Protein backbone atom coordinates (compact mmCIF):
# COMPACT_ATOMS: atom_id res chain seq x y z
CA MET A 1 0.01 -0.05 0.14
CA THR A 2 1.18 3.48 -0.72
CA ALA A 3 0.66 6.23 1.64
CA LYS A 4 -1.13 9.45 0.57
CA ARG A 5 0.62 12.56 1.15
CA ALA A 6 -1.43 15.41 3.14
CA ALA A 7 -2.06 18.25 0.68
CA LEU A 8 -0.44 21.25 1.79
CA ILE A 9 -1.98 24.85 1.19
CA THR A 10 0.87 25.64 -1.20
CA ASP A 11 0.12 22.81 -3.48
CA SER A 12 -2.87 24.80 -4.73
CA TYR A 13 -1.34 28.40 -4.84
CA LYS A 14 1.85 27.40 -7.03
CA VAL A 15 0.52 28.04 -10.50
CA VAL A 16 -1.44 31.38 -9.03
CA LYS A 17 1.73 32.95 -7.92
CA ARG A 18 3.64 32.26 -11.00
CA SER A 19 0.91 33.84 -13.28
CA ARG A 20 1.02 37.04 -10.74
CA ARG A 21 4.63 37.07 -11.44
CA GLU A 22 4.32 37.10 -14.97
CA GLU A 23 1.56 39.75 -15.05
CA LYS A 24 4.00 42.02 -12.93
CA ARG A 25 6.56 41.23 -15.67
CA GLU A 26 4.09 42.62 -18.70
CA LYS A 27 2.99 45.54 -16.52
CA ARG A 28 6.32 46.81 -16.01
CA ALA A 29 7.23 49.29 -18.87
CA PRO A 30 10.46 48.96 -20.37
CA SER A 31 13.52 50.95 -19.17
CA PRO A 32 14.06 54.24 -21.38
CA PRO A 33 17.30 53.76 -23.54
CA GLN A 34 20.23 55.55 -21.79
CA LYS A 35 21.89 58.25 -23.63
CA ASP A 36 25.40 58.41 -24.41
CA THR A 37 25.65 62.02 -24.41
CA GLU A 38 28.82 63.97 -23.20
CA PRO A 39 28.88 67.02 -21.64
CA ARG A 40 29.22 70.12 -23.31
CA PRO A 41 32.59 72.01 -23.70
CA LEU A 42 32.90 74.87 -21.46
CA THR A 43 32.76 78.63 -22.72
CA ALA A 44 35.93 80.85 -22.21
CA ARG A 45 33.51 82.79 -19.96
CA GLU A 46 32.22 79.65 -17.99
CA ILE A 47 36.11 78.71 -17.37
CA GLU A 48 36.69 82.11 -16.25
CA LEU A 49 34.22 82.48 -13.86
CA GLN A 50 34.92 79.21 -12.48
CA GLU A 51 38.27 80.28 -11.75
CA LEU A 52 37.18 83.68 -10.17
CA ARG A 53 34.80 81.61 -7.77
CA GLN A 54 38.21 79.60 -7.05
CA PHE A 55 39.63 82.63 -6.07
CA ASP A 56 36.60 84.13 -3.95
CA GLN A 57 36.58 80.27 -2.00
CA ASP A 58 40.50 80.71 -1.32
CA TRP A 59 40.89 82.17 2.20
CA ARG A 60 44.86 82.81 1.85
CA TYR A 61 44.09 85.80 0.23
CA GLY A 62 42.05 87.22 2.84
CA PRO A 63 37.92 87.66 3.12
CA CYS A 64 36.06 88.86 0.30
CA THR A 65 32.57 90.11 1.50
CA GLY A 66 31.94 93.80 1.16
CA ILE A 67 34.57 94.57 -1.49
CA SER A 68 34.93 93.83 -5.11
CA ARG A 69 37.21 90.93 -6.68
CA LEU A 70 40.01 93.49 -7.85
CA GLN A 71 40.04 95.32 -4.25
CA ARG A 72 40.62 91.99 -2.81
CA TRP A 73 43.46 91.35 -5.24
CA GLU A 74 44.83 94.43 -4.80
CA ARG A 75 44.56 93.97 -0.92
CA ALA A 76 46.20 90.69 -0.92
CA ALA A 77 49.14 91.73 -3.35
CA GLN A 78 49.73 94.63 -0.89
CA HIS A 79 50.27 92.24 1.86
CA GLY A 80 52.28 90.11 0.07
CA LEU A 81 49.95 87.23 -0.37
CA ASN A 82 50.97 86.85 -3.97
CA PRO A 83 47.61 86.33 -5.82
CA PRO A 84 47.36 84.85 -9.02
CA GLN A 85 48.60 87.39 -11.75
CA GLU A 86 45.64 85.81 -14.45
CA ILE A 87 42.99 86.94 -12.00
CA ARG A 88 43.88 90.63 -12.18
CA ASP A 89 44.21 90.46 -16.00
CA MET A 90 40.53 88.70 -16.11
CA LEU A 91 39.18 91.41 -13.93
CA LEU A 92 40.70 94.49 -15.67
CA SER A 93 39.77 93.05 -19.06
CA ALA A 94 36.15 92.60 -18.11
CA ASP A 95 35.76 95.58 -15.50
CA ILE A 96 32.03 96.76 -16.81
CA ASP A 97 30.36 92.77 -15.98
CA SER A 98 29.16 92.25 -12.31
CA ASP A 99 29.53 88.83 -12.78
CA TYR A 100 33.41 89.47 -13.01
CA THR A 101 33.80 92.29 -10.51
CA HIS A 102 31.27 91.18 -7.50
CA CYS A 103 32.62 88.05 -5.47
CA LEU A 104 30.60 84.86 -5.15
CA TRP A 105 28.72 86.21 -2.02
CA SER A 106 27.90 89.63 -3.30
CA ASP A 107 24.04 88.54 -3.57
CA TYR A 108 23.67 87.60 0.02
CA PRO A 109 22.91 90.11 2.72
CA LEU A 110 25.43 90.89 5.36
């Protein structure tokens, strides 16, 4: 005689679980294709403004709030801190543009 195995509750749900998984796979939208875009190259103005921001963040040349970049550069040169000459050249070439003359934190109130 062969003994009958007791029926388990999971025996009746195996097929149902498989179909639900398949339905979820079908409902899932395909992922969008990834673009292989390279970042656009920076313009000369953007490169210069990045260098000026780095100059603003360099505390070796003293605080920069309340004065223009050129004033800060001249003060640092007067105290023998050797600020980069390229920064002064950039500031003198674009002395009208406020993006060049004002420091990074000029938009924030004191």
